[in-house]
Every structure is written in structure tokens, then in C-alpha cells.
Amino acid sequence: MTGDSIKHTLFLLTALFLTFLWVDNHELANYSLQLTAALVIFLVFANKIFRIPSFLLTESTISVISVALITSATGGLSSPFFFLNHFLLFELSLLLEPQISITLTLSLMIFYLFAGQVGPNINNFIILLSFIFITPLAYLTGKIYQKVKKEKKEIKNLSNKIEVLEENFLPANGSSRPF
């Protein structure tokens, strides 16, 4: 893991832990959907006002908090919005680093276990185990995306070098032959 990856992971884990503290407090848990709405509104306005180019960590943090709050407030593992957790893994794998999806999978599983969202029903454990099957897909998708992004950047750099070489070695009269 790189330094940025570790920093991003720790930031997201801290956000998830704070979300757990929010959900665990029964008085605060009643306002989970309101907090989610406030965070999303903040995200939209902050993105419009500040126009920060590296806004990805803020977006990812708000996504983690929002998805955890929404699924916890609407039934946990039996929530109709639980599928958002799977999209969250893909989002983080594509926006930040693919390794984050592995760490966040384990963290989300622990979050739902300790938040009392997993009942004695076997269906709940199967839903929780769905993370294990989605994580490799998110990780591989993120790896492929990072590779393609790196290759596009390399192609752009090579194209720029070719243009410079053409300007330096081709005569100014427009002839395509250097001789």
C-alpha cells in the first residue's frame, strides 16, 4: 500500500467508526437520515463553491457515511438500500485505490455485526457474506481502471513528445520528408 492509500484508508475507517458511534447512540440514530441529507447538501454546495480538483476523498468519505447511515436507519442487512454498499465498494475502488475496497469490506462487515444489524437468521449471514463475493470484482475493476488511466496518460505523454520531435526535425515548409 502506498502512503496515499494508507492515509485514505485510515480516513475512511475513522469516518465509519464515527458513523458507528452515531448509529449506536439511540437518540442520534433517530436523526440518521437528516444527517445524510445535510452531508449530501454540503457535498453538492462545497463542490460548486470551492471547485477543488482533489475532492475525491471528501466525496468518498461522505459516501461511506451516507450509505452506512441509510442502511442502518432503514433496516440494516434487511434494508432495501443495502445494495448501495456494493456500489460503494466499486466507487471507492475506482475513485481512490483498489486496495481500499478490501479494507472497507472487512470494516463494513464488522460495522454491521457490532451495530446489532445481524440477527440470528441465516439469510442475514448470507447477505453479509455477499461482501466477500463482491470485493474481488470491485478490486479487479479498480485495478483495470487504474491501468487504463495510466496507459492513457502514457499515450498522451508520448503523443506530446512526437509532436515536439516533429516540430524540431521537420522543415517549416510543410514537407513531410526531412531530406
Foldseek 3Di string as FASTA:
>chain_A
DDPQVVVLLVLLLVLLVVLLVQLLDPVSLVCLVVVLVVLVVCLVVCCVPVVDPLCLSSVLSSLSSNLVSVCSSQQNLPRPSPCSLLVSLLSCLARPNLVSSVSVLVSVLVSCVVSVRADPDVVSVVSNCVSVVSSVVSSVVSVVNVVVVVVVVVVVVVVVVVVVVCVVQDDPVPDPDSD
